[in-house]
Amino acid sequence: MIQIILVGIGAGLAAALLFVSPVGGTSLALPLFTITGVPIAIAGLGWTPIAGVISVVAGSTVVFSVISPLAAGLFLLLFAAPTAWLAYLAGLWRQGADGQEWFPLGRLLVHAAIAVAVGLAIVGFLIGYNPEQMAAEMTDALSEWLAARPNLESVPTRTEIEPFVRLNVSVLPYTLAALVLVVLVVNLWLAGWITRTSGRLARPRERLWTASLPAVAATTFVVASIASLIPFPLGEVAALASGAFGGAFLLLGLAVLHSLTIGINGRTALLTLNYVALVFLGFTVVLIVALGLAETFLHLRARRFGKAPPP
């Protein structure tokens, strides 16, 4: 028990240090910040969920003391609590007819999407998020910044800048929720890889591209997307849910793409081109999400491989 406590405290301190890394302003600040949840997930996966809970409390306490209560709330809601919860679910299993049945990867994704949507909604309430106010402040800041650039031949006016800013603010709930969801899942995957390498992960290795989402996830995504058209604040909350579940279907779409291209000549080049397009051409995200939705109802992988996926 002492080891579990010490591991939990150490993981919480490590997570807190990663969370505050942007304060240093180094080039590694952002990459370090995005893996804030990894130590907590390692504690939860490798040293029982109790260690994960201890790491959440320890990390939140450090951030509260060093920075501010608001920062501690961000740490708790966006990284610590969701990661510890997912690590706990990942360790759940039951005895089935063919042996141990572990908590399905698809249901893990659903819980991750719910945690992200709820966490961001609470964060928005805590910081007093207001899209109109944010758009006005960002427009003013961008106008001042452009006006201070002596190398620009013609500086766009505030009227010209405002539509661009408003567009970005309007899609922020969707993109932010999807991004946080992906970061959360990558953190859990990386922690699982580390704990498996050290021999402390009980869950067997799985082929991630075989994960699937239940039909209720697709329904939630569609309903939330439609509800996001409602005026603020309900529309913004729905947009967070739409973005989070959209991020889950993005990951599912990528899994389907990886599976359907097995055995195809030039598979590596095709997948590389896909990821390059995702980074530089944002509209391809819609196509991958659509592929994930299609898989939920059409079962594209099962149609190609049958019930047994290839090795």
Protein backbone atom coordinates (compact mmCIF):
# COMPACT_ATOMS: atom_id res chain seq x y z
CA MET A 1 0.00 0.00 0.00
CA ILE A 2 2.87 2.35 0.77
CA GLN A 3 4.25 1.81 -2.73
CA ILE A 4 0.84 2.66 -4.24
CA ILE A 5 0.66 5.88 -2.23
CA LEU A 6 4.20 6.90 -3.18
CA VAL A 7 3.62 6.12 -6.85
CA GLY A 8 0.38 8.11 -6.77
CA ILE A 9 2.04 11.14 -5.20
CA GLY A 10 4.97 10.96 -7.62
CA ALA A 11 2.68 10.66 -10.61
CA GLY A 12 0.63 13.63 -9.41
CA LEU A 13 3.76 15.76 -9.04
CA ALA A 14 4.98 14.74 -12.50
CA ALA A 15 1.60 15.55 -14.05
CA ALA A 16 1.54 18.94 -12.32
CA LEU A 17 5.02 19.77 -13.64
CA LEU A 18 3.97 18.84 -17.18
CA PHE A 19 0.83 20.97 -16.82
CA VAL A 20 2.77 24.08 -15.75
CA SER A 21 5.54 23.56 -18.36
CA PRO A 22 4.17 26.33 -20.67
CA VAL A 23 5.17 28.83 -17.97
CA GLY A 24 8.81 28.22 -18.89
CA GLY A 25 8.20 29.28 -22.49
CA THR A 26 10.58 26.70 -23.98
CA SER A 27 10.14 24.99 -27.34
CA LEU A 28 9.20 21.75 -25.56
CA ALA A 29 6.48 23.43 -23.48
CA LEU A 30 3.55 22.47 -25.69
CA PRO A 31 4.57 18.81 -26.26
CA LEU A 32 5.14 18.39 -22.52
CA PHE A 33 1.80 20.02 -21.74
CA THR A 34 -0.10 17.66 -24.03
CA ILE A 35 1.17 14.58 -22.15
CA THR A 36 0.03 15.88 -18.77
CA GLY A 37 -2.23 12.88 -18.26
CA VAL A 38 0.41 10.21 -18.96
CA PRO A 39 1.82 9.92 -15.38
CA ILE A 40 -1.70 9.68 -13.95
CA ALA A 41 -2.65 6.99 -16.47
CA ILE A 42 0.54 5.05 -15.70
CA ALA A 43 -0.29 5.12 -11.99
CA GLY A 44 -3.85 3.99 -12.60
CA LEU A 45 -2.99 1.26 -15.11
CA GLY A 46 0.10 -0.13 -13.43
CA TRP A 47 -0.50 0.47 -9.71
CA THR A 48 -4.30 0.14 -9.30
CA PRO A 49 -6.98 2.87 -9.57
CA ILE A 50 -6.17 3.95 -6.00
CA ALA A 51 -2.81 5.22 -7.19
CA GLY A 52 -4.61 7.06 -9.98
CA VAL A 53 -6.93 8.80 -7.52
CA ILE A 54 -4.01 9.74 -5.28
CA SER A 55 -2.18 11.21 -8.28
CA VAL A 56 -5.25 13.29 -9.15
CA VAL A 57 -5.44 14.72 -5.62
CA ALA A 58 -1.68 15.32 -5.41
CA GLY A 59 -1.42 16.98 -8.81
CA SER A 60 -4.47 19.19 -8.26
CA THR A 61 -3.12 20.28 -4.87
CA VAL A 62 0.25 21.24 -6.38
CA VAL A 63 -1.31 23.25 -9.23
CA PHE A 64 -3.69 24.92 -6.74
CA SER A 65 -0.76 25.96 -4.53
CA VAL A 66 1.67 26.97 -7.26
CA ILE A 67 -0.60 28.72 -9.76
CA SER A 68 -4.26 29.33 -8.86
CA PRO A 69 -7.56 27.64 -8.02
CA LEU A 70 -8.73 28.17 -11.62
CA ALA A 71 -5.64 26.45 -13.01
CA ALA A 72 -6.23 23.57 -10.60
CA GLY A 73 -9.77 23.31 -11.90
CA LEU A 74 -8.52 23.15 -15.50
CA PHE A 75 -5.98 20.49 -14.54
CA LEU A 76 -8.60 18.43 -12.71
CA LEU A 77 -11.40 18.68 -15.28
CA LEU A 78 -9.46 18.37 -18.53
CA PHE A 79 -6.61 16.03 -17.64
CA ALA A 80 -6.50 14.44 -14.20
CA ALA A 81 -10.04 13.22 -13.50
CA PRO A 82 -10.84 12.00 -17.06
CA THR A 83 -7.51 10.17 -17.32
CA ALA A 84 -7.89 8.45 -13.95
CA TRP A 85 -11.45 7.43 -14.85
CA LEU A 86 -10.40 5.97 -18.22
CA ALA A 87 -7.49 4.12 -16.61
CA TYR A 88 -9.94 2.60 -14.13
CA LEU A 89 -12.31 1.50 -16.92
CA ALA A 90 -9.42 0.09 -18.96
CA GLY A 91 -8.61 -2.21 -16.04
CA LEU A 92 -12.14 -3.62 -15.71
CA TRP A 93 -12.79 -7.20 -16.83
CA ARG A 94 -15.20 -10.05 -16.30
CA GLN A 95 -15.03 -13.78 -16.78
CA GLY A 96 -16.63 -14.83 -20.05
CA ALA A 97 -17.11 -18.09 -21.88
CA ASP A 98 -13.78 -17.67 -23.67
CA GLY A 99 -11.83 -16.24 -20.76
CA GLN A 100 -11.38 -12.68 -19.54
CA GLU A 101 -13.50 -10.04 -21.26
CA TRP A 102 -12.01 -6.57 -20.88
CA PHE A 103 -13.86 -3.26 -21.01
CA PRO A 104 -14.34 -2.64 -24.76
CA LEU A 105 -12.20 -0.04 -26.50
CA GLY A 106 -15.27 1.52 -28.15
CA ARG A 107 -16.97 2.09 -24.81
CA LEU A 108 -13.74 3.64 -23.52
CA LEU A 109 -13.99 6.11 -26.39
CA VAL A 110 -17.60 6.92 -25.49
CA HIS A 111 -16.67 7.58 -21.85
CA ALA A 112 -13.75 9.72 -23.00
CA ALA A 113 -16.07 11.82 -25.19
CA ILE A 114 -18.54 12.30 -22.33
CA ALA A 115 -15.75 13.28 -19.94
CA VAL A 116 -14.35 15.82 -22.40
CA ALA A 117 -17.74 17.41 -23.12
CA VAL A 118 -18.66 17.66 -19.42
CA GLY A 119 -15.22 18.90 -18.41
CA LEU A 120 -15.08 21.63 -21.06
CA ALA A 121 -18.64 22.73 -20.26
CA ILE A 122 -17.72 23.19 -16.59
CA VAL A 123 -14.50 24.97 -17.55
CA GLY A 124 -16.48 27.32 -19.78
CA PHE A 125 -18.76 28.13 -16.85
CA LEU A 126 -15.79 28.73 -14.53
CA ILE A 127 -14.01 31.12 -16.90
CA GLY A 128 -17.22 32.87 -17.92
CA TYR A 129 -17.00 31.93 -21.59
CA ASN A 130 -18.93 34.28 -23.86
CA PRO A 131 -18.43 33.92 -27.64
CA GLU A 132 -19.46 37.51 -28.41
CA GLN A 133 -17.05 38.93 -25.87
CA MET A 134 -14.26 36.59 -27.00
CA ALA A 135 -14.76 37.55 -30.66
CA ALA A 136 -14.62 41.27 -29.83
CA GLU A 137 -11.49 40.88 -27.67
CA MET A 138 -9.72 38.72 -30.25
CA THR A 139 -10.60 41.14 -33.05
CA ASP A 140 -9.17 44.07 -31.08
CA ALA A 141 -6.02 42.14 -30.18
CA LEU A 142 -5.43 40.99 -33.76
CA SER A 143 -6.05 44.49 -35.13
CA GLU A 144 -3.53 45.99 -32.72
CA TRP A 145 -0.98 43.29 -33.48
CA LEU A 146 -1.27 43.77 -37.26
CA ALA A 147 -1.11 47.56 -36.91
CA ALA A 148 2.19 47.20 -35.06
CA ARG A 149 3.80 45.24 -37.93
CA PRO A 150 5.94 47.77 -39.88
CA ASN A 151 6.67 45.31 -42.70
CA LEU A 152 3.04 45.01 -43.81
CA GLU A 153 2.15 47.06 -46.89
CA SER A 154 -1.56 47.24 -46.15
CA VAL A 155 -3.08 46.52 -42.75
CA PRO A 156 -6.59 45.01 -42.82
CA THR A 157 -9.21 47.00 -40.98
CA ARG A 158 -11.14 45.82 -37.96
CA THR A 159 -14.21 45.33 -40.16
CA GLU A 160 -12.24 43.05 -42.47
CA ILE A 161 -10.76 41.04 -39.60
CA GLU A 162 -13.98 40.52 -37.64
CA PRO A 163 -15.64 37.88 -39.93
CA PHE A 164 -12.49 35.76 -39.83
CA VAL A 165 -12.32 35.95 -36.03
CA ARG A 166 -16.02 35.21 -35.59
CA LEU A 167 -15.71 32.14 -37.80
CA ASN A 168 -12.87 30.78 -35.69
CA VAL A 169 -14.70 31.51 -32.44
CA SER A 170 -17.84 29.79 -33.72
CA VAL A 171 -15.99 26.54 -34.49
CA LEU A 172 -13.83 26.67 -31.35
CA PRO A 173 -16.10 24.44 -29.20
CA TYR A 174 -16.06 21.74 -31.89
CA THR A 175 -12.34 21.82 -32.59
CA LEU A 176 -11.26 22.21 -28.97
CA ALA A 177 -13.41 19.29 -27.79
CA ALA A 178 -12.13 17.06 -30.60
CA LEU A 179 -8.53 18.03 -29.87
CA VAL A 180 -8.84 17.38 -26.13
CA LEU A 181 -10.46 14.01 -26.88
CA VAL A 182 -7.58 12.97 -29.14
CA VAL A 183 -4.99 14.15 -26.59
CA LEU A 184 -6.75 12.20 -23.84
CA VAL A 185 -6.81 9.00 -25.90
CA VAL A 186 -3.17 9.37 -26.97
CA ASN A 187 -2.17 9.89 -23.33
CA LEU A 188 -3.95 6.68 -22.33
CA TRP A 189 -2.39 4.76 -25.23
CA LEU A 190 1.11 6.02 -24.41
CA ALA A 191 0.69 5.16 -20.74
CA GLY A 192 -0.54 1.70 -21.71
CA TRP A 193 2.51 1.16 -23.92
CA ILE A 194 4.85 2.24 -21.10
CA THR A 195 3.20 0.05 -18.45
CA ARG A 196 3.09 -2.94 -20.82
CA THR A 197 6.80 -2.50 -21.55
CA SER A 198 7.53 -2.49 -17.82
CA GLY A 199 5.43 -5.62 -17.33
CA ARG A 200 2.84 -3.98 -15.09
CA LEU A 201 -0.14 -3.89 -17.47
CA ALA A 202 -2.58 -6.75 -16.92
CA ARG A 203 -4.72 -5.98 -19.97
CA PRO A 204 -3.54 -7.95 -23.02
CA ARG A 205 -2.33 -6.25 -26.17
CA GLU A 206 -5.14 -5.36 -28.59
CA ARG A 207 -5.35 -4.35 -32.23
CA LEU A 208 -6.57 -0.77 -31.92
CA TRP A 209 -7.92 -0.67 -35.48
CA THR A 210 -10.56 -3.27 -34.49
CA ALA A 211 -12.27 -0.84 -32.07
CA SER A 212 -15.89 0.06 -32.79
CA LEU A 213 -18.43 2.54 -31.46
CA PRO A 214 -22.04 1.73 -30.52
CA ALA A 215 -24.91 3.14 -32.56
CA VAL A 216 -25.90 5.35 -29.61
CA ALA A 217 -22.64 7.26 -30.08
CA ALA A 218 -23.62 8.12 -33.65
CA THR A 219 -27.08 9.21 -32.50
CA THR A 220 -25.54 11.40 -29.81
CA PHE A 221 -23.18 12.98 -32.34
CA VAL A 222 -25.98 13.78 -34.80
CA VAL A 223 -28.36 15.12 -32.13
CA ALA A 224 -25.62 17.23 -30.53
CA SER A 225 -24.60 18.62 -33.93
CA ILE A 226 -28.17 19.72 -34.63
CA ALA A 227 -28.63 21.09 -31.12
CA SER A 228 -25.44 23.13 -31.50
CA LEU A 229 -27.46 25.47 -33.74
CA ILE A 230 -29.40 26.62 -30.67
CA PRO A 231 -28.28 30.06 -29.40
CA PHE A 232 -25.77 30.43 -26.57
CA PRO A 233 -25.37 28.89 -24.01
CA LEU A 234 -27.16 25.59 -24.79
CA GLY A 235 -25.82 25.59 -28.32
CA GLU A 236 -22.25 25.91 -27.09
CA VAL A 237 -22.66 22.96 -24.71
CA ALA A 238 -24.12 20.88 -27.55
CA ALA A 239 -21.21 21.94 -29.77
CA LEU A 240 -18.79 20.58 -27.15
CA ALA A 241 -20.60 17.23 -27.20
CA SER A 242 -20.62 17.26 -31.00
CA GLY A 243 -16.89 18.00 -31.12
CA ALA A 244 -16.02 15.34 -28.54
CA PHE A 245 -18.03 12.60 -30.24
CA GLY A 246 -16.80 13.87 -33.61
CA GLY A 247 -13.26 13.33 -32.34
CA ALA A 248 -14.21 9.77 -31.37
CA PHE A 249 -15.56 9.09 -34.86
CA LEU A 250 -12.43 10.65 -36.34
CA LEU A 251 -10.35 8.06 -34.49
CA LEU A 252 -12.75 5.32 -35.57
CA GLY A 253 -12.52 6.50 -39.17
CA LEU A 254 -8.73 6.29 -39.00
CA ALA A 255 -9.01 2.78 -37.55
CA VAL A 256 -11.27 1.77 -40.44
CA LEU A 257 -8.87 3.30 -42.96
CA HIS A 258 -5.95 1.39 -41.44
CA SER A 259 -7.89 -1.87 -41.57
CA LEU A 260 -9.37 -1.54 -45.06
CA THR A 261 -5.96 -0.80 -46.58
CA ILE A 262 -4.37 -3.98 -45.21
CA GLY A 263 -2.82 -5.91 -48.09
CA ILE A 264 -3.11 -3.03 -50.57
CA ASN A 265 -0.02 -2.04 -52.55
CA GLY A 266 1.27 1.36 -51.52
CA ARG A 267 -0.55 1.21 -48.17
CA THR A 268 2.18 3.14 -46.32
CA ALA A 269 2.18 5.94 -48.89
CA LEU A 270 -1.62 6.13 -48.82
CA LEU A 271 -1.77 6.37 -45.03
CA THR A 272 1.04 8.92 -44.97
CA LEU A 273 -0.78 11.05 -47.54
CA ASN A 274 -3.94 10.81 -45.45
CA TYR A 275 -2.23 12.10 -42.30
CA VAL A 276 -0.49 14.90 -44.21
CA ALA A 277 -3.88 15.94 -45.61
CA LEU A 278 -5.38 15.87 -42.10
CA VAL A 279 -2.73 18.29 -40.89
CA PHE A 280 -2.74 20.70 -43.83
CA LEU A 281 -6.23 20.29 -45.31
CA GLY A 282 -8.82 20.53 -42.58
CA PHE A 283 -11.77 19.45 -44.72
CA THR A 284 -10.46 15.87 -44.90
CA VAL A 285 -11.43 15.54 -41.24
CA VAL A 286 -15.07 15.53 -42.35
CA LEU A 287 -14.38 12.63 -44.71
CA ILE A 288 -12.69 10.54 -42.01
CA VAL A 289 -15.53 11.25 -39.54
CA ALA A 290 -18.02 10.21 -42.22
CA LEU A 291 -16.05 6.97 -42.68
CA GLY A 292 -16.32 6.32 -38.95
CA LEU A 293 -20.07 6.92 -39.02
CA ALA A 294 -20.43 4.63 -42.04
CA GLU A 295 -18.59 1.86 -40.20
CA THR A 296 -21.04 2.06 -37.29
CA PHE A 297 -24.01 1.26 -39.51
CA LEU A 298 -22.53 -0.57 -42.52
CA HIS A 299 -19.82 -2.62 -40.72
CA LEU A 300 -17.30 -2.11 -43.50
CA ARG A 301 -14.52 -4.07 -41.80
CA ALA A 302 -16.74 -7.08 -41.15
CA ARG A 303 -17.86 -7.06 -44.79
CA ARG A 304 -14.27 -7.32 -45.95
CA PHE A 305 -12.71 -9.60 -43.36
CA GLY A 306 -15.64 -11.51 -41.93
CA LYS A 307 -15.99 -11.90 -38.17
CA ALA A 308 -12.30 -12.71 -37.66
CA PRO A 309 -9.92 -9.79 -38.38
CA PRO A 310 -6.60 -10.67 -40.03
CA PRO A 311 -3.43 -10.85 -37.91
